[in-house]
């Protein structure tokens, strides 16, 4: 009996166990169906779950493109996430005594909003089918997923620019070779090797770190760098120099100061290369120098500066008060002008444009052979007087042109006409010392002279030779208002001349050093215009003389006929 009961109980337990497992299976199956439904549901939607946000920017309920547009607007230029600013990255070069550099990434950081929106959408709605349900359930239970994304660097060019701006690329512990010019030697200190930042390795490192959200300080990669090699030829190009005479530095107000002379420098390039090739880093090599003294020292220039009058000339000034005033103004503008060796004097440039605003007045001047009133009339007397002074100073004449007609204030062939623009009068300081123009006007005379330094005594003689004389042709113009035989000179006319001048230079003993053609001047001939009378004198009518009537004899009485 007991065995029967035991058997029955065992069967009941087995049936109960089967029921439990059947129940568990059914429950699992139900849950699996529910999960499969949950996995199926995300694929049916096309918007983010409610409550979804990226860096605090709500995108729940939006489609992927809408979210992307919003993120582009909200994240543009943003460098701070959750209160932390990522715009500065510390770079640490492992060089003794060098502090870390702070790199400003504000212009290099960005967010890939397209990828952000796509990744968030894929997390909510995409991915493997069997994982969707879990992500869907977590999203529902958590009230929407909150994503936090850090900015990163995406442009090598932007990172390179930020590196350059922070100054770390200027870090260079290499000591380059240096040299110093001594009186008798050129002392060359050979440089020593050091390190520079390896930007080619640092840029990718920065981009990798920021892409991974790592904004910890970065240790900069360094590369060794040796000092640049220096050759004897290079040193010669940079240090060798011809001797330089003492000269002047002239200010705008024509004041001046003496600039010191410079000794010439030279050395043997091959010998220098031999010394440099065997020198170790950090050692100093002394290259022997050959020095050459300048021909004019500072002391000599100061002693001889403007010591002599090289030459001068004076002319008498006639004409109106306006003309005399213009001549005076020209002298004032030229007075004190300094020319260094090799420099040129331009009369137009120094005197300037002749305007009333510049102080010039109207005065008679020649124009096309006629006398006219012109602003600046008389300036040619200044240029002609200065031309004569330059000739007697034995200076080089660069540009000169004669007047159309001989002037009355200088000998023929020794005038110099000017006009604003052209013609010009200019000369050159062909001496080894500075020269100065001294000019004045006083008591109806204007004087120009050149002060400088005579290295030897000389005297200049200007000889003029009239090559051709062209008498003024006579042109008669009939004038019916003048009686026959009467003449009136309308224009006096000018005799034409062709003149060759010579410059003869004598030494201090009166010996002729040189004799050269100086200038050829051609003066125009103009006709003499004479009005000749053509009016005949009126002829008086003939005078009538009265004629007396003839006398008549008395008539004889008639004789009667004969009977």
Protein backbone atom coordinates (compact mmCIF):
# COMPACT_ATOMS: atom_id res chain seq x y z
CA UNK A 1 0.00 0.00 0.00
CA UNK A 2 2.75 2.34 0.88
CA UNK A 3 4.53 1.60 -2.35
CA UNK A 4 1.40 2.45 -4.24
CA UNK A 5 1.13 5.79 -2.47
CA UNK A 6 4.71 6.59 -3.08
CA UNK A 7 4.29 5.87 -6.73
CA UNK A 8 1.22 8.03 -6.89
CA UNK A 9 2.96 10.94 -5.14
CA UNK A 10 5.88 10.67 -7.47
CA UNK A 11 3.61 10.85 -10.49
CA UNK A 12 1.89 13.90 -9.06
CA UNK A 13 5.25 15.61 -8.50
CA UNK A 14 6.26 14.88 -12.03
CA UNK A 15 3.05 16.33 -13.38
CA UNK A 16 3.47 19.41 -11.17
CA UNK A 17 7.04 19.88 -12.38
CA UNK A 18 5.99 19.64 -15.96
CA UNK A 19 3.35 22.27 -15.37
CA UNK A 20 5.94 24.61 -13.87
CA UNK A 21 8.25 24.21 -16.81
CA UNK A 22 5.37 24.62 -19.21
CA UNK A 23 4.46 27.84 -17.38
CA UNK A 24 8.03 29.07 -17.49
CA UNK A 25 8.21 28.26 -21.17
CA UNK A 26 5.01 30.10 -21.84
CA UNK A 27 6.25 33.10 -19.83
CA UNK A 28 9.56 33.13 -21.69
CA UNK A 29 7.75 32.84 -24.98
CA UNK A 30 5.50 35.75 -24.05
CA UNK A 31 8.43 37.83 -22.97
CA UNK A 32 10.28 36.91 -26.13
CA UNK A 33 7.31 37.97 -28.21
CA UNK A 34 7.07 41.19 -26.27
CA UNK A 35 10.83 41.82 -26.75
CA UNK A 36 10.54 41.04 -30.44
CA UNK A 37 7.76 43.56 -30.61
CA UNK A 38 9.99 46.06 -28.81
CA UNK A 39 12.75 45.33 -31.31
CA UNK A 40 10.31 45.85 -34.13
CA UNK A 41 8.85 49.13 -32.90
CA UNK A 42 12.01 51.35 -33.26
CA UNK A 43 12.29 50.48 -36.92
CA UNK A 44 8.82 51.90 -37.55
CA UNK A 45 9.55 55.45 -36.28
CA UNK A 46 11.55 58.21 -38.01
CA UNK A 47 12.09 60.65 -35.15
CA UNK A 48 14.24 60.74 -32.04
CA UNK A 49 12.69 59.56 -28.80
CA UNK A 50 11.22 62.21 -26.56
CA UNK A 51 13.76 63.62 -24.13
CA UNK A 52 16.75 62.88 -26.39
CA UNK A 53 19.42 65.62 -26.30
CA UNK A 54 22.99 66.21 -27.42
CA UNK A 55 25.11 68.45 -25.16
CA UNK A 56 21.86 69.72 -23.62
CA UNK A 57 20.28 70.57 -26.99
CA UNK A 58 16.86 68.87 -27.14
CA UNK A 59 16.22 66.95 -30.37
CA UNK A 60 13.41 64.66 -29.17
CA UNK A 61 10.58 64.31 -31.67
CA UNK A 62 12.75 65.67 -34.50
CA UNK A 63 13.69 63.91 -37.66
CA UNK A 64 17.39 63.38 -38.33
CA UNK A 65 17.73 66.30 -40.81
CA UNK A 66 15.88 68.69 -38.48
CA UNK A 67 18.15 67.74 -35.61
CA UNK A 68 21.23 68.20 -37.79
CA UNK A 69 20.15 71.74 -38.78
CA UNK A 70 19.51 72.67 -35.14
CA UNK A 71 22.86 71.28 -34.01
CA UNK A 72 24.73 73.20 -36.72
CA UNK A 73 23.26 76.44 -35.37
CA UNK A 74 23.61 75.72 -31.68
CA UNK A 75 27.10 74.20 -31.71
CA UNK A 76 28.76 76.65 -34.12
CA UNK A 77 31.81 78.18 -32.40
CA UNK A 78 31.08 76.37 -29.12
CA UNK A 79 34.14 75.22 -27.16
CA UNK A 80 32.53 74.68 -23.73
CA UNK A 81 30.71 71.42 -22.83
CA UNK A 82 29.06 70.90 -19.44
CA UNK A 83 30.86 73.97 -18.06
CA UNK A 84 34.32 72.85 -19.18
CA UNK A 85 36.20 74.98 -21.72
CA UNK A 86 38.22 72.94 -24.20
CA UNK A 87 39.60 75.87 -26.21
CA UNK A 88 43.09 75.70 -24.63
CA UNK A 89 45.50 72.79 -24.89
CA UNK A 90 48.75 72.68 -22.94
CA UNK A 91 51.87 71.63 -24.85
CA UNK A 92 54.89 70.54 -22.80
CA UNK A 93 58.29 70.48 -24.49
CA UNK A 94 60.69 68.41 -22.41
CA UNK A 95 63.40 71.04 -22.50
CA UNK A 96 65.06 72.23 -19.31
CA UNK A 97 63.99 75.73 -18.32
CA UNK A 98 61.20 75.95 -20.91
CA UNK A 99 57.67 76.51 -19.60
CA UNK A 100 54.64 74.79 -21.20
CA UNK A 101 52.93 76.59 -24.09
CA UNK A 102 49.20 77.31 -24.13
CA UNK A 103 47.72 76.52 -27.53
CA UNK A 104 44.51 78.37 -28.44
CA UNK A 105 42.24 75.88 -30.25
CA UNK A 106 39.16 78.12 -30.40
CA UNK A 107 39.47 78.54 -34.17
CA UNK A 108 40.37 74.89 -34.78
CA UNK A 109 37.67 73.07 -32.78
CA UNK A 110 34.49 71.81 -34.41
CA UNK A 111 31.62 69.34 -34.04
CA UNK A 112 30.75 66.87 -36.79
CA UNK A 113 27.02 67.52 -36.44
CA UNK A 114 26.13 65.26 -39.35
CA UNK A 115 27.81 62.32 -37.67
CA UNK A 116 26.36 63.28 -34.27
CA UNK A 117 22.81 63.26 -35.60
CA UNK A 118 23.39 60.08 -37.59
CA UNK A 119 24.97 58.21 -34.64
CA UNK A 120 22.25 59.28 -32.23
CA UNK A 121 19.55 58.28 -34.69
CA UNK A 122 21.24 54.95 -35.34
CA UNK A 123 21.37 54.32 -31.59
CA UNK A 124 17.68 55.04 -31.21
CA UNK A 125 16.29 53.58 -34.42
CA UNK A 126 19.02 51.55 -36.05
CA UNK A 127 21.59 48.96 -35.22
CA UNK A 128 21.16 45.18 -34.91
CA UNK A 129 17.55 44.05 -34.71
CA UNK A 130 17.90 42.05 -31.49
CA UNK A 131 19.53 44.97 -29.63
CA UNK A 132 16.91 47.53 -30.58
CA UNK A 133 14.45 46.35 -27.95
CA UNK A 134 16.89 46.83 -25.08
CA UNK A 135 17.88 50.31 -26.33
CA UNK A 136 14.22 51.18 -26.88
CA UNK A 137 13.27 50.02 -23.38
CA UNK A 138 16.16 51.95 -21.79
CA UNK A 139 15.16 55.07 -23.73
CA UNK A 140 11.55 54.81 -22.63
CA UNK A 141 12.35 54.10 -18.98
CA UNK A 142 15.03 56.88 -18.79
CA UNK A 143 12.87 59.53 -20.41
CA UNK A 144 15.16 59.89 -23.46
CA UNK A 145 18.91 59.50 -23.89
CA UNK A 146 21.27 62.44 -23.16
CA UNK A 147 24.43 62.41 -25.30
CA UNK A 148 27.59 64.34 -24.34
CA UNK A 149 30.07 64.93 -27.15
CA UNK A 150 33.34 66.90 -26.95
CA UNK A 151 34.66 69.12 -29.77
CA UNK A 152 37.64 67.96 -31.81
CA UNK A 153 40.11 69.25 -34.40
CA UNK A 154 39.31 68.25 -37.96
CA UNK A 155 41.61 70.49 -40.06
CA UNK A 156 45.38 70.05 -40.20
CA UNK A 157 45.69 73.60 -41.58
CA UNK A 158 43.76 75.06 -38.61
CA UNK A 159 45.89 73.11 -36.11
CA UNK A 160 49.10 74.20 -37.86
CA UNK A 161 48.00 77.85 -37.72
CA UNK A 162 47.16 77.54 -34.00
CA UNK A 163 50.58 75.99 -33.39
CA UNK A 164 52.32 78.86 -35.16
CA UNK A 165 50.34 81.45 -33.22
CA UNK A 166 51.16 79.94 -29.84
CA UNK A 167 54.87 80.32 -30.58
CA UNK A 168 55.99 76.80 -29.85
CA UNK A 169 57.34 76.33 -33.37
CA UNK A 170 59.85 79.08 -32.61
CA UNK A 171 61.34 76.98 -29.84
CA UNK A 172 64.87 76.14 -30.90
CA UNK A 173 67.65 75.26 -28.51
CA UNK A 174 70.17 75.13 -31.34
CA UNK A 175 72.83 77.84 -31.05
CA UNK A 176 73.81 79.06 -34.49
CA UNK A 177 77.35 80.02 -35.44
CA UNK A 178 78.06 83.70 -34.72
CA UNK A 179 80.88 86.02 -35.62
CA UNK A 180 82.21 89.37 -34.50
CA UNK A 181 84.45 91.73 -36.43
CA UNK A 182 87.47 92.82 -34.41
CA UNK A 183 90.21 95.24 -35.48
CA UNK A 184 92.63 92.55 -36.66
CA UNK A 185 90.59 89.31 -36.65
CA UNK A 186 87.16 87.96 -37.48
CA UNK A 187 86.16 85.88 -34.43
CA UNK A 188 83.82 83.02 -35.37
CA UNK A 189 82.15 81.03 -32.55
CA UNK A 190 80.95 77.66 -33.87
CA UNK A 191 77.34 76.90 -32.91
CA UNK A 192 76.02 73.94 -30.87
CA UNK A 193 73.35 71.36 -31.69
CA UNK A 194 69.90 71.50 -30.05
CA UNK A 195 66.25 70.59 -30.53
CA UNK A 196 63.20 71.92 -32.33
CA UNK A 197 59.53 70.87 -32.18
CA UNK A 198 58.58 68.15 -34.65
CA UNK A 199 55.42 69.73 -36.04
CA UNK A 200 54.91 66.87 -38.52
CA UNK A 201 54.45 64.50 -35.59
CA UNK A 202 52.74 66.95 -33.21
CA UNK A 203 49.84 67.92 -35.49
CA UNK A 204 48.50 64.33 -35.92
CA UNK A 205 49.02 63.76 -32.19
CA UNK A 206 46.82 66.76 -31.33
CA UNK A 207 44.14 65.63 -33.74
CA UNK A 208 44.15 62.06 -32.39
CA UNK A 209 43.92 63.27 -28.78
CA UNK A 210 41.05 65.66 -29.40
CA UNK A 211 39.19 63.10 -31.53
CA UNK A 212 39.30 60.76 -28.54
CA UNK A 213 38.13 63.54 -26.20
CA UNK A 214 41.55 63.66 -24.55
CA UNK A 215 42.49 67.21 -23.58
CA UNK A 216 45.24 66.32 -21.14
CA UNK A 217 48.62 68.13 -21.64
CA UNK A 218 50.60 66.76 -24.58
CA UNK A 219 54.32 66.16 -24.45
CA UNK A 220 55.77 67.64 -27.63
CA UNK A 221 57.91 65.45 -29.87
CA UNK A 222 61.34 67.01 -30.54
CA UNK A 223 63.93 66.45 -33.24
CA UNK A 224 67.64 67.18 -33.04
CA UNK A 225 69.00 70.05 -35.15
CA UNK A 226 72.60 70.97 -35.84
CA UNK A 227 73.72 74.58 -36.43
CA UNK A 228 73.78 75.73 -40.04
CA UNK A 229 77.20 75.28 -41.64
CA UNK A 230 79.16 78.47 -42.31
CA UNK A 231 81.71 78.81 -45.12
CA UNK A 232 84.52 81.27 -45.69
CA UNK A 233 82.74 82.58 -48.80
CA UNK A 234 79.59 83.31 -46.80
CA UNK A 235 81.55 85.15 -44.13
CA UNK A 236 83.39 87.10 -46.83
CA UNK A 237 80.12 88.20 -48.46
CA UNK A 238 78.77 89.44 -45.13
CA UNK A 239 81.84 91.08 -43.63
CA UNK A 240 84.25 92.08 -46.40
CA UNK A 241 83.91 95.71 -47.44
CA UNK A 242 85.69 98.40 -49.34
CA UNK A 243 87.02 101.31 -47.28
CA UNK A 244 84.47 104.08 -46.95
CA UNK A 245 85.34 107.75 -46.73
CA UNK A 246 83.89 109.96 -44.05
CA UNK A 247 80.82 111.78 -45.32
CA UNK A 248 77.90 113.91 -44.17
CA UNK A 249 74.35 113.18 -43.12
CA UNK A 250 72.33 116.17 -44.34
CA UNK A 251 68.97 117.04 -42.77
CA UNK A 252 65.98 118.64 -44.51
CA UNK A 253 66.93 122.06 -43.04
CA UNK A 254 70.42 121.62 -44.60
CA UNK A 255 72.12 121.15 -41.27
CA UNK A 256 74.53 118.22 -41.20
CA UNK A 257 76.69 115.93 -39.12
CA UNK A 258 79.83 113.99 -40.01
CA UNK A 259 79.50 110.23 -40.48
CA UNK A 260 82.61 108.33 -39.48
CA UNK A 261 84.90 106.75 -42.07
CA UNK A 262 85.10 102.96 -42.29
CA UNK A 263 88.22 100.85 -42.68
CA UNK A 264 88.16 98.28 -45.47
CA UNK A 265 87.95 94.57 -44.54
CA UNK A 266 89.25 91.52 -46.43
CA UNK A 267 90.62 88.03 -45.67
CA UNK A 268 91.77 84.82 -47.36
CA UNK A 269 88.66 82.70 -48.01
CA UNK A 270 90.54 79.43 -48.49
CA UNK A 271 92.44 79.91 -45.25
CA UNK A 272 89.18 80.68 -43.45
CA UNK A 273 87.58 77.44 -44.76
CA UNK A 274 90.56 75.46 -43.49
CA UNK A 275 90.18 76.94 -40.00
CA UNK A 276 86.41 76.40 -39.92
CA UNK A 277 86.49 72.78 -41.12
CA UNK A 278 88.47 71.58 -38.10
CA UNK A 279 86.62 73.57 -35.43
CA UNK A 280 84.45 71.77 -32.85
CA UNK A 281 81.06 72.99 -31.69
CA UNK A 282 81.27 75.83 -29.17
CA UNK A 283 84.87 76.77 -30.02
CA UNK A 284 86.02 80.14 -31.42
CA UNK A 285 88.07 80.51 -34.60
CA UNK A 286 90.06 83.70 -35.31
CA UNK A 287 90.43 84.55 -38.99
CA UNK A 288 93.22 87.11 -39.71
CA UNK A 289 92.03 90.28 -41.48
CA UNK A 290 93.59 92.61 -44.01
CA UNK A 291 92.56 96.21 -43.33
CA UNK A 292 92.60 99.16 -45.78
CA UNK A 293 92.38 102.75 -44.62
CA UNK A 294 89.91 105.15 -46.33
CA UNK A 295 91.33 108.01 -48.36
CA UNK A 296 89.38 110.59 -46.30
CA UNK A 297 89.21 110.06 -42.56
CA UNK A 298 86.65 111.65 -40.27
CA UNK A 299 89.27 113.99 -38.84
CA UNK A 300 90.46 115.04 -42.29
CA UNK A 301 86.90 115.72 -43.48
CA UNK A 302 86.16 117.90 -40.46
CA UNK A 303 89.36 119.88 -41.01
CA UNK A 304 88.86 120.45 -44.74
CA UNK A 305 85.04 120.63 -45.03
CA UNK A 306 83.94 123.67 -47.12
CA UNK A 307 87.39 125.14 -46.61
CA UNK A 308 87.80 126.59 -50.12
CA UNK A 309 85.79 128.60 -52.62
CA UNK A 310 86.04 126.46 -55.75
CA UNK A 311 84.56 129.16 -57.96
CA UNK A 312 81.94 131.90 -58.08
CA UNK A 313 80.18 134.44 -60.29
CA UNK A 314 78.24 137.69 -59.88
CA UNK A 315 75.70 139.26 -62.25
CA UNK A 316 73.89 142.59 -62.21
CA UNK A 317 70.12 142.37 -61.83
CA UNK A 318 67.96 144.80 -63.76
CA UNK A 319 64.28 145.09 -64.56
CA UNK A 320 61.19 145.51 -62.45
CA UNK A 321 60.87 145.14 -58.71
CA UNK A 322 59.02 141.84 -59.30
CA UNK A 323 61.92 140.47 -61.32
CA UNK A 324 64.47 141.48 -58.67
CA UNK A 325 62.30 139.84 -56.00
CA UNK A 326 62.24 136.58 -58.01
CA UNK A 327 66.04 136.64 -58.40
CA UNK A 328 66.40 137.17 -54.65
CA UNK A 329 64.02 134.26 -53.91
CA UNK A 330 66.00 131.91 -56.17
CA UNK A 331 69.21 132.77 -54.33
CA UNK A 332 67.53 132.11 -50.97
CA UNK A 333 66.27 128.70 -52.12
CA UNK A 334 69.70 127.64 -53.41
CA UNK A 335 71.74 129.03 -50.53
CA UNK A 336 73.21 126.35 -48.27
CA UNK A 337 72.36 123.39 -50.50
CA UNK A 338 74.86 120.55 -49.92
CA UNK A 339 75.94 117.97 -52.48
CA UNK A 340 77.82 114.84 -51.43
CA UNK A 341 80.37 113.33 -53.85
CA UNK A 342 78.57 111.94 -56.88
CA UNK A 343 75.27 113.74 -56.19
CA UNK A 344 73.55 116.05 -58.68
CA UNK A 345 72.06 119.51 -58.22
CA UNK A 346 68.78 120.12 -60.09
CA UNK A 347 67.87 123.80 -60.31
CA UNK A 348 64.18 123.15 -60.95
CA UNK A 349 63.99 120.69 -58.08
CA UNK A 350 65.70 123.02 -55.61
CA UNK A 351 63.92 126.24 -56.64
CA UNK A 352 60.59 124.51 -57.10
CA UNK A 353 57.55 125.34 -59.19
CA UNK A 354 57.17 129.03 -59.83
CA UNK A 355 53.83 129.99 -58.30
CA UNK A 356 52.48 132.94 -56.38
CA UNK A 357 51.89 130.61 -53.43
CA UNK A 358 55.63 129.87 -53.42
CA UNK A 359 56.40 133.59 -53.27
CA UNK A 360 57.12 134.29 -56.95
CA UNK A 361 55.69 137.37 -58.62
CA UNK A 362 55.01 138.41 -62.19
CA UNK A 363 57.91 139.87 -64.17
CA UNK A 364 58.95 140.25 -67.82
CA UNK A 365 60.14 137.06 -69.52
CA UNK A 366 60.84 135.90 -73.08
CA UNK A 367 58.23 133.72 -74.77
CA UNK A 368 58.51 132.92 -78.45
CA UNK A 369 60.79 135.90 -78.95
CA UNK A 370 58.43 138.34 -77.28
CA UNK A 371 58.51 139.89 -73.84
CA UNK A 372 55.53 138.81 -71.70
CA UNK A 373 54.55 139.07 -68.06
CA UNK A 374 55.11 135.70 -66.38
CA UNK A 375 55.08 134.42 -62.79
CA UNK A 376 58.72 133.70 -61.98
CA UNK A 377 60.25 135.97 -64.59
CA UNK A 378 63.96 136.35 -63.80
CA UNK A 379 64.63 132.81 -62.51
CA UNK A 380 66.94 132.22 -65.48
CA UNK A 381 69.36 134.84 -64.13
CA UNK A 382 69.84 132.65 -61.06
CA UNK A 383 70.41 129.49 -63.14
CA UNK A 384 72.80 131.33 -65.50
CA UNK A 385 74.81 132.82 -62.63
CA UNK A 386 75.01 129.41 -60.95
CA UNK A 387 76.06 127.85 -64.28
CA UNK A 388 78.99 130.25 -64.47
CA UNK A 389 79.92 129.50 -60.85
CA UNK A 390 79.84 125.74 -61.55
CA UNK A 391 82.04 126.22 -64.63
CA UNK A 392 84.64 128.19 -62.70
CA UNK A 393 84.48 125.55 -59.93
CA UNK A 394 85.45 122.93 -62.55
CA UNK A 395 82.35 120.84 -61.82
CA UNK A 396 80.70 118.43 -64.25
CA UNK A 397 77.72 119.97 -66.07
CA UNK A 398 74.98 117.36 -66.52
CA UNK A 399 72.33 119.37 -68.35
CA UNK A 400 72.26 122.92 -69.73
CA UNK A 401 70.47 124.71 -72.54
CA UNK A 402 71.05 128.23 -73.85
CA UNK A 403 68.32 130.85 -74.24
CA UNK A 404 66.79 131.60 -77.63
CA UNK A 405 68.68 134.92 -77.60
CA UNK A 406 71.86 136.07 -75.83
CA UNK A 407 71.24 137.36 -72.32
CA UNK A 408 72.48 140.69 -71.13
CA UNK A 409 73.81 139.52 -67.75
CA UNK A 410 76.30 136.81 -68.82
CA UNK A 411 78.78 136.59 -71.69
CA UNK A 412 77.47 134.93 -74.82
CA UNK A 413 77.54 131.14 -74.54
CA UNK A 414 77.49 131.19 -70.72
CA UNK A 415 73.77 131.41 -69.99
CA UNK A 416 71.47 128.59 -68.83
CA UNK A 417 67.72 128.83 -69.42
CA UNK A 418 65.21 126.94 -67.27
CA UNK A 419 61.47 126.37 -67.16
CA UNK A 420 59.36 124.22 -64.89
CA UNK A 421 59.69 120.69 -66.18
CA UNK A 422 62.11 121.39 -69.01
CA UNK A 423 64.58 122.80 -69.87
CA UNK A 424 66.62 121.98 -66.76
CA UNK A 425 70.01 123.03 -65.45
CA UNK A 426 71.93 120.49 -63.36
CA UNK A 427 75.49 119.75 -62.39
CA UNK A 428 77.30 117.01 -60.48
CA UNK A 429 79.70 117.04 -57.57
CA UNK A 430 82.60 115.24 -59.21
CA UNK A 431 84.99 116.00 -56.35
CA UNK A 432 85.93 113.72 -53.45
CA UNK A 433 84.50 116.08 -50.83
CA UNK A 434 81.05 117.52 -50.11
CA UNK A 435 80.33 120.89 -51.73
CA UNK A 436 77.90 123.64 -50.76
CA UNK A 437 76.12 126.31 -52.82
CA UNK A 438 76.29 129.78 -51.32
CA UNK A 439 74.03 132.40 -52.95
CA UNK A 440 72.77 135.90 -52.15
CA UNK A 441 71.15 138.99 -53.65
CA UNK A 442 72.17 142.51 -52.55
CA UNK A 443 72.20 146.00 -54.00
CA UNK A 444 71.09 144.94 -57.46
CA UNK A 445 73.55 142.07 -57.77
CA UNK A 446 73.21 138.32 -57.31
CA UNK A 447 76.17 136.11 -56.45
CA UNK A 448 76.61 132.32 -56.50
CA UNK A 449 79.66 130.38 -55.38
CA UNK A 450 80.62 126.79 -54.68
CA UNK A 451 82.38 125.99 -51.43
CA UNK A 452 84.30 122.73 -51.13
CA UNK A 453 87.78 121.34 -50.73
CA UNK A 454 90.59 121.86 -53.21
CA UNK A 455 92.86 118.83 -53.27
CA UNK A 456 95.18 120.87 -55.49
CA UNK A 457 95.17 124.43 -56.78
CA UNK A 458 93.50 125.09 -60.13
CA UNK A 459 92.11 127.92 -62.23
CA UNK A 460 89.39 127.74 -64.91
CA UNK A 461 89.18 129.91 -67.99
CA UNK A 462 86.09 129.91 -70.22
CA UNK A 463 86.75 130.92 -73.81
CA UNK A 464 83.87 131.71 -76.18
CA UNK A 465 84.28 131.46 -79.95
CA UNK A 466 81.56 132.83 -82.21
CA UNK A 467 81.42 130.29 -85.01
CA UNK A 468 78.74 132.04 -87.04
CA UNK A 469 76.92 135.37 -87.01
CA UNK A 470 73.55 135.58 -88.75
CA UNK A 471 72.44 139.20 -89.21
CA UNK A 472 68.77 139.88 -88.70
CA UNK A 473 66.95 139.86 -92.03
CA UNK A 474 64.88 142.93 -92.89
CA UNK A 475 61.22 142.36 -93.55
CA UNK A 476 59.27 145.30 -94.97
CA UNK A 477 55.55 145.49 -94.43
CA UNK A 478 53.68 148.04 -96.57
CA UNK A 479 51.76 150.51 -94.42
CA UNK A 480 49.23 152.66 -96.26
CA UNK A 481 48.87 154.83 -93.17
CA UNK A 482 52.45 156.14 -93.49
CA UNK A 483 53.58 158.52 -96.23
CA UNK A 484 55.94 157.26 -98.86
CA UNK A 485 59.52 157.42 -97.64
CA UNK A 486 58.60 157.11 -93.93
CA UNK A 487 59.53 153.94 -91.96
CA UNK A 488 58.66 152.63 -88.49
CA UNK A 489 60.56 149.67 -86.90
CA UNK A 490 57.85 147.29 -85.61
CA UNK A 491 60.24 144.62 -84.26
CA UNK A 492 63.96 145.20 -83.87
CA UNK A 493 64.84 141.56 -84.65
CA UNK A 494 67.80 139.63 -83.30
CA UNK A 495 71.12 138.70 -84.77
CA UNK A 496 71.66 134.94 -84.68
CA UNK A 497 74.84 133.40 -83.29
CA UNK A 498 76.44 129.99 -83.09
CA UNK A 499 78.94 129.92 -80.25
CA UNK A 500 81.38 127.27 -79.06
CA UNK A 501 82.73 127.60 -75.51
CA UNK A 502 85.86 125.90 -74.21
CA UNK A 503 86.88 125.10 -70.67
CA UNK A 504 90.58 125.48 -70.00
CA UNK A 505 91.97 124.32 -66.64
CA UNK A 506 95.34 125.43 -65.27
CA UNK A 507 97.23 124.13 -62.24
CA UNK A 508 98.58 126.29 -59.42
CA UNK A 509 101.68 127.12 -61.47
CA UNK A 510 99.64 128.36 -64.42
CA UNK A 511 100.35 125.27 -66.53
CA UNK A 512 97.49 124.17 -68.80
CA UNK A 513 96.06 120.86 -67.55
CA UNK A 514 93.20 120.42 -69.98
CA UNK A 515 91.31 122.22 -72.73
CA UNK A 516 87.96 120.79 -73.80
CA UNK A 517 84.85 121.85 -75.61
CA UNK A 518 82.32 122.90 -73.00
CA UNK A 519 79.07 123.74 -74.80
CA UNK A 520 77.67 124.71 -78.17
CA UNK A 521 75.06 127.47 -78.08
CA UNK A 522 72.77 128.34 -80.96
CA UNK A 523 70.89 131.63 -80.69
CA UNK A 524 68.04 132.31 -83.07
CA UNK A 525 67.95 135.00 -85.71
CA UNK A 526 64.66 136.87 -85.94
CA UNK A 527 63.68 139.27 -88.67
CA UNK A 528 63.59 143.00 -88.26
CA UNK A 529 60.05 144.03 -89.13
CA UNK A 530 59.76 147.53 -90.65
CA UNK A 531 56.53 149.24 -91.67
CA UNK A 532 57.16 151.18 -94.88
CA UNK A 533 54.85 154.01 -95.86
CA UNK A 534 52.97 153.68 -99.16
CA UNK A 535 50.65 156.69 -98.89
CA UNK A 536 51.23 159.17 -101.81
CA UNK A 537 51.02 162.97 -101.10
CA UNK A 538 47.78 164.53 -102.63
CA UNK A 539 48.29 166.59 -105.96
CA UNK A 540 46.81 170.20 -105.90
CA UNK A 541 44.45 171.09 -108.89
CA UNK A 542 45.90 173.69 -111.51
CA UNK A 543 45.13 177.42 -110.92
CA UNK A 544 43.17 179.32 -113.84
CA UNK A 545 44.61 182.77 -114.91
CA UNK A 546 41.84 185.35 -116.07
CA UNK A 547 42.23 186.44 -119.77
CA UNK A 548 41.37 190.10 -120.74
CA UNK A 549 38.89 190.47 -123.66
CA UNK A 550 40.44 191.75 -127.01
CA UNK A 551 40.06 195.42 -127.88
CA UNK A 552 37.49 196.23 -130.72
CA UNK A 553 37.99 199.25 -133.22
CA UNK A 554 35.03 201.62 -133.64
CA UNK A 555 32.91 200.93 -136.66
CA UNK A 556 33.40 203.48 -139.78
CA UNK A 557 30.36 205.40 -140.88
CA UNK A 558 28.59 204.15 -144.04
CA UNK A 559 29.37 206.01 -147.37
CA UNK A 560 26.32 206.82 -149.30
CA UNK A 561 26.29 205.44 -152.84
CA UNK A 562 27.18 207.63 -155.61
CA UNK A 563 24.38 209.25 -157.10
